[in-house]
Amino acid sequence: MSAGIFHIVGVGPGDPELLTLKAARLVENADVVAYFCRHDRMGHARRIADAHIGESAKELRFAYPFTTERSVGEPSYHQDMNAFYDNCALQVLREAPAGRSVVLLCEGDPFLYGSAMYLFDRLKDRLKVEIVPGITGMGGCWAEASVPMTHGDDVLCVLPATMPENDLTDWLHRADAAVVMKLGRNLPKLRTALEKAGRESEAVYVERGTQDDAKVLKLAEKEGPAPYFSLVLLPGRRGVR
């Protein structure tokens, strides 16, 4: 790899065998491997890529200052997260210009709700940045659930459950097929929006898709809170041949 190139690498939804050949090669040859994580955990992307990280590779562990402990609506949220991403970008800058190959791991695909995008924004004009796409979490989940999602002219919507209930209801009503992400504490709101849109019976809940402890069930059968790696699928069936 060329000196000064920062690779942002998608490592897929969870199953280590779903890394692309290119992703595995870049990780194996990296001098520096960076990844995001909670302060008390290894990090999901780091765990997926574990078998490919060399013993001599330096690791940059980007531990979030907070996750669900603070609401995005709090005044300090964006200020503190901006400072965190600024610091992460500075750590990458210290490594890449020195001629070392730097790889940032990102679960799923880096440009789909990925934290890696915030480093891309900060570094794209200062370093040569290359993106390696990964199998998306949603792709892993609909494969896990054996749920065909789009047919013919179906329109697929990817919706964050964090949006206002009325907007969520409207999109669920209009979309032929939908993937709803960022469930967490928003699951009760999603249930209400699905009911208002008349689509609660279609909803399929998938948790930790492609991983050893994956769960697939109708959303109506789901009890308790939804963990981070979970989403809801609404398949489209318009004009099926």
Protein backbone atom coordinates (compact mmCIF):
# COMPACT_ATOMS: atom_id res chain seq x y z
CA MET A 1 0.00 0.00 0.00
CA SER A 2 1.20 3.51 -0.80
CA ALA A 3 2.53 5.75 1.94
CA GLY A 4 0.01 8.18 3.31
CA ILE A 5 -3.09 6.28 2.20
CA PHE A 6 -5.79 5.85 4.79
CA HIS A 7 -8.01 2.84 4.11
CA ILE A 8 -11.52 2.74 5.57
CA VAL A 9 -12.51 -0.90 5.40
CA GLY A 10 -15.97 -2.39 5.76
CA VAL A 11 -15.74 -5.73 7.55
CA GLY A 12 -19.34 -6.85 7.09
CA PRO A 13 -22.24 -7.59 9.44
CA GLY A 14 -20.66 -10.01 11.88
CA ASP A 15 -19.69 -13.36 10.36
CA PRO A 16 -15.89 -13.21 9.88
CA GLU A 17 -16.23 -15.24 6.67
CA LEU A 18 -18.17 -12.35 5.11
CA LEU A 19 -15.10 -10.12 4.88
CA THR A 20 -14.22 -9.44 1.27
CA LEU A 21 -10.89 -10.69 -0.06
CA LYS A 22 -9.73 -7.09 -0.44
CA ALA A 23 -10.66 -6.22 3.13
CA ALA A 24 -8.80 -9.26 4.48
CA ARG A 25 -5.69 -8.44 2.43
CA LEU A 26 -5.55 -4.83 3.56
CA VAL A 27 -6.03 -5.73 7.23
CA GLU A 28 -3.33 -8.42 7.05
CA ASN A 29 -0.82 -5.95 5.58
CA ALA A 30 -1.70 -3.00 7.82
CA ASP A 31 0.93 -1.42 10.03
CA VAL A 32 -1.79 0.32 12.03
CA VAL A 33 -5.32 -0.97 12.65
CA ALA A 34 -7.87 1.48 14.05
CA TYR A 35 -11.40 0.78 15.24
CA PHE A 36 -14.24 2.28 17.25
CA CYS A 37 -15.50 0.66 20.45
CA ARG A 38 -17.15 1.21 23.80
CA HIS A 39 -14.76 1.97 26.63
CA ASP A 40 -15.38 -1.44 28.19
CA ARG A 41 -15.40 -3.63 25.06
CA MET A 42 -13.12 -4.81 22.28
CA GLY A 43 -15.24 -3.42 19.50
CA HIS A 44 -17.43 -5.35 17.07
CA ALA A 45 -15.40 -4.53 13.94
CA ARG A 46 -12.17 -5.49 15.75
CA ARG A 47 -13.67 -8.83 16.74
CA ILE A 48 -14.79 -9.58 13.18
CA ALA A 49 -11.34 -8.89 11.74
CA ASP A 50 -9.38 -10.53 14.57
CA ALA A 51 -7.96 -13.44 12.56
CA HIS A 52 -6.44 -11.09 9.98
CA ILE A 53 -4.68 -8.59 12.26
CA GLY A 54 -0.93 -9.13 12.39
CA GLU A 55 0.89 -9.54 15.69
CA SER A 56 3.13 -6.56 14.93
CA ALA A 57 0.29 -4.22 13.96
CA LYS A 58 -0.18 -1.16 16.13
CA GLU A 59 -3.78 -0.72 17.26
CA LEU A 60 -5.61 2.59 17.63
CA ARG A 61 -8.56 2.03 19.91
CA PHE A 62 -11.12 4.80 19.48
CA ALA A 63 -13.32 4.44 22.57
CA TYR A 64 -16.49 6.53 22.45
CA PRO A 65 -16.81 8.99 25.35
CA PHE A 66 -20.45 7.87 25.66
CA THR A 67 -23.00 5.86 23.70
CA THR A 68 -26.59 5.62 24.93
CA GLU A 69 -25.83 7.35 28.23
CA ARG A 70 -26.44 10.76 26.70
CA SER A 71 -29.25 11.85 24.40
CA VAL A 72 -28.45 13.34 21.00
CA GLY A 73 -30.73 16.21 21.99
CA GLU A 74 -28.50 17.32 24.87
CA PRO A 75 -26.48 20.50 24.11
CA SER A 76 -23.17 18.85 25.00
CA TYR A 77 -23.70 15.80 22.77
CA HIS A 78 -22.49 17.22 19.46
CA GLN A 79 -19.77 19.34 21.03
CA ASP A 80 -18.21 16.38 22.83
CA MET A 81 -18.61 13.98 19.90
CA ASN A 82 -17.04 16.52 17.54
CA ALA A 83 -14.06 16.77 19.88
CA PHE A 84 -13.82 12.97 19.98
CA TYR A 85 -13.77 12.64 16.19
CA ASP A 86 -11.26 15.50 15.91
CA ASN A 87 -8.94 13.60 18.24
CA CYS A 88 -9.38 10.35 16.31
CA ALA A 89 -8.49 12.14 13.06
CA LEU A 90 -5.34 13.60 14.65
CA GLN A 91 -4.24 10.12 15.71
CA VAL A 92 -4.61 8.89 12.13
CA LEU A 93 -2.66 11.89 10.81
CA ARG A 94 0.22 11.07 13.15
CA GLU A 95 0.51 7.59 11.62
CA ALA A 96 -0.31 7.84 7.90
CA PRO A 97 2.21 10.47 6.71
CA ALA A 98 5.01 8.46 8.31
CA GLY A 99 4.68 5.91 5.54
CA ARG A 100 2.69 3.42 7.55
CA SER A 101 -0.38 1.66 6.18
CA VAL A 102 -3.38 2.67 8.29
CA VAL A 103 -6.67 0.77 8.16
CA LEU A 104 -9.84 1.82 9.95
CA LEU A 105 -12.24 -1.06 10.52
CA CYS A 106 -15.96 -0.42 10.23
CA GLU A 107 -18.73 -2.98 10.75
CA GLY A 108 -21.10 -3.32 7.82
CA ASP A 109 -20.39 -0.75 5.10
CA PRO A 110 -18.47 2.42 6.05
CA PHE A 111 -20.82 4.83 4.28
CA LEU A 112 -24.09 3.50 5.71
CA TYR A 113 -24.58 5.05 9.18
CA GLY A 114 -20.92 4.38 9.91
CA SER A 115 -18.82 6.38 12.38
CA ALA A 116 -16.00 6.15 9.83
CA MET A 117 -17.75 8.83 7.76
CA TYR A 118 -16.88 11.45 10.38
CA LEU A 119 -13.17 10.67 9.98
CA PHE A 120 -13.57 10.68 6.20
CA ASP A 121 -15.04 14.19 6.41
CA ARG A 122 -12.08 15.38 8.46
CA LEU A 123 -9.31 13.67 6.48
CA LYS A 124 -10.40 13.52 2.83
CA ASP A 125 -8.62 16.80 2.02
CA ARG A 126 -5.51 16.01 4.07
CA LEU A 127 -4.80 12.40 3.12
CA LYS A 128 -5.52 10.08 0.25
CA VAL A 129 -8.48 8.11 1.59
CA GLU A 130 -9.68 4.87 -0.02
CA ILE A 131 -12.96 3.18 0.89
CA VAL A 132 -13.43 -0.58 0.81
CA PRO A 133 -17.16 -1.40 0.80
CA GLY A 134 -18.51 -4.11 3.07
CA ILE A 135 -21.59 -6.30 3.17
CA THR A 136 -24.22 -4.22 4.91
CA GLY A 137 -25.87 -5.15 8.19
CA MET A 138 -29.25 -5.05 6.46
CA GLY A 139 -28.02 -7.40 3.74
CA GLY A 140 -26.78 -9.82 6.36
CA CYS A 141 -30.09 -9.61 8.22
CA TRP A 142 -32.40 -10.24 5.27
CA ALA A 143 -30.19 -13.17 4.26
CA GLU A 144 -30.34 -14.50 7.83
CA ALA A 145 -34.12 -14.18 7.82
CA SER A 146 -34.52 -15.58 4.28
CA VAL A 147 -36.74 -12.60 3.46
CA PRO A 148 -36.65 -11.39 -0.19
CA MET A 149 -36.98 -7.62 0.07
CA THR A 150 -37.61 -5.96 -3.29
CA HIS A 151 -39.43 -7.19 -6.40
CA GLY A 152 -39.88 -5.49 -9.76
CA ASP A 153 -40.54 -1.80 -9.13
CA ASP A 154 -40.61 -1.99 -5.33
CA VAL A 155 -39.16 1.07 -3.60
CA LEU A 156 -36.90 0.32 -0.64
CA CYS A 157 -36.65 2.84 2.22
CA VAL A 158 -33.99 2.74 4.92
CA LEU A 159 -35.41 4.45 7.98
CA PRO A 160 -33.85 5.38 11.35
CA ALA A 161 -36.30 4.71 14.18
CA THR A 162 -35.00 7.89 15.79
CA MET A 163 -37.13 10.05 13.45
CA PRO A 164 -40.39 11.59 14.73
CA GLU A 165 -43.30 9.18 14.98
CA ASN A 166 -45.47 10.96 12.41
CA ASP A 167 -42.65 11.00 9.84
CA LEU A 168 -41.87 7.36 10.52
CA THR A 169 -45.53 6.44 10.06
CA ASP A 170 -45.69 8.34 6.77
CA TRP A 171 -42.63 6.64 5.32
CA LEU A 172 -43.80 3.19 6.43
CA HIS A 173 -47.13 3.83 4.75
CA ARG A 174 -45.54 4.95 1.47
CA ALA A 175 -42.66 2.49 1.14
CA ASP A 176 -43.09 -0.84 -0.63
CA ALA A 177 -40.20 -2.33 1.37
CA ALA A 178 -38.44 -0.88 4.38
CA VAL A 179 -35.52 -1.49 6.70
CA VAL A 180 -35.80 0.21 10.09
CA MET A 181 -32.54 0.70 11.97
CA LYS A 182 -31.46 2.30 15.25
CA LEU A 183 -34.15 0.57 17.29
CA GLY A 184 -33.01 0.65 20.92
CA ARG A 185 -35.27 2.83 23.05
CA ASN A 186 -37.25 3.72 19.90
CA LEU A 187 -38.83 0.27 19.57
CA PRO A 188 -42.16 1.23 21.26
CA LYS A 189 -42.44 4.23 18.92
CA LEU A 190 -41.80 1.99 15.91
CA ARG A 191 -44.52 -0.42 17.01
CA THR A 192 -46.99 2.47 17.18
CA ALA A 193 -45.93 3.78 13.76
CA LEU A 194 -46.29 0.33 12.20
CA GLU A 195 -49.76 -0.04 13.67
CA LYS A 196 -50.80 3.38 12.34
CA ALA A 197 -49.42 2.48 8.90
CA GLY A 198 -51.27 -0.85 8.98
CA ARG A 199 -48.08 -2.88 8.58
CA GLU A 200 -47.40 -4.42 11.98
CA SER A 201 -48.18 -7.95 10.75
CA GLU A 202 -45.46 -7.74 8.06
CA ALA A 203 -42.62 -6.69 10.36
CA VAL A 204 -39.76 -9.16 10.87
CA TYR A 205 -37.31 -8.57 13.72
CA VAL A 206 -33.67 -9.64 13.21
CA GLU A 207 -31.05 -9.50 15.94
CA ARG A 208 -27.31 -9.99 15.36
CA GLY A 209 -27.81 -11.21 11.79
CA THR A 210 -25.04 -13.60 10.49
CA GLN A 211 -23.62 -13.99 14.00
CA ASP A 212 -23.66 -17.21 16.03
CA ASP A 213 -26.39 -15.92 18.36
CA ALA A 214 -28.64 -14.50 15.62
CA LYS A 215 -32.40 -14.31 16.24
CA VAL A 216 -35.21 -14.00 13.70
CA LEU A 217 -38.88 -13.64 14.67
CA LYS A 218 -41.99 -11.66 13.94
CA LEU A 219 -41.78 -8.27 15.61
CA ALA A 220 -45.08 -9.02 17.36
CA GLU A 221 -43.31 -11.90 19.16
CA LYS A 222 -40.35 -9.79 20.28
CA GLU A 223 -40.26 -9.08 24.01
CA GLY A 224 -37.97 -6.75 25.91
CA PRO A 225 -35.52 -4.14 24.61
CA ALA A 226 -33.70 -4.29 21.28
CA PRO A 227 -29.87 -4.37 21.35
CA TYR A 228 -27.70 -2.23 19.09
CA PHE A 229 -27.27 -4.88 16.40
CA SER A 230 -30.93 -5.33 15.52
CA LEU A 231 -33.34 -4.06 12.88
CA VAL A 232 -36.82 -4.57 11.46
CA LEU A 233 -37.57 -5.69 7.90
CA LEU A 234 -40.74 -5.02 5.92
CA PRO A 235 -40.54 -6.89 2.61
CA GLY A 236 -42.10 -5.48 -0.54
CA ARG A 237 -44.22 -7.73 -2.74
CA ARG A 238 -45.53 -5.49 -5.52
CA GLY A 239 -45.87 -7.03 -8.99
CA VAL A 240 -44.39 -10.41 -8.04
CA ARG A 241 -43.88 -12.63 -11.09
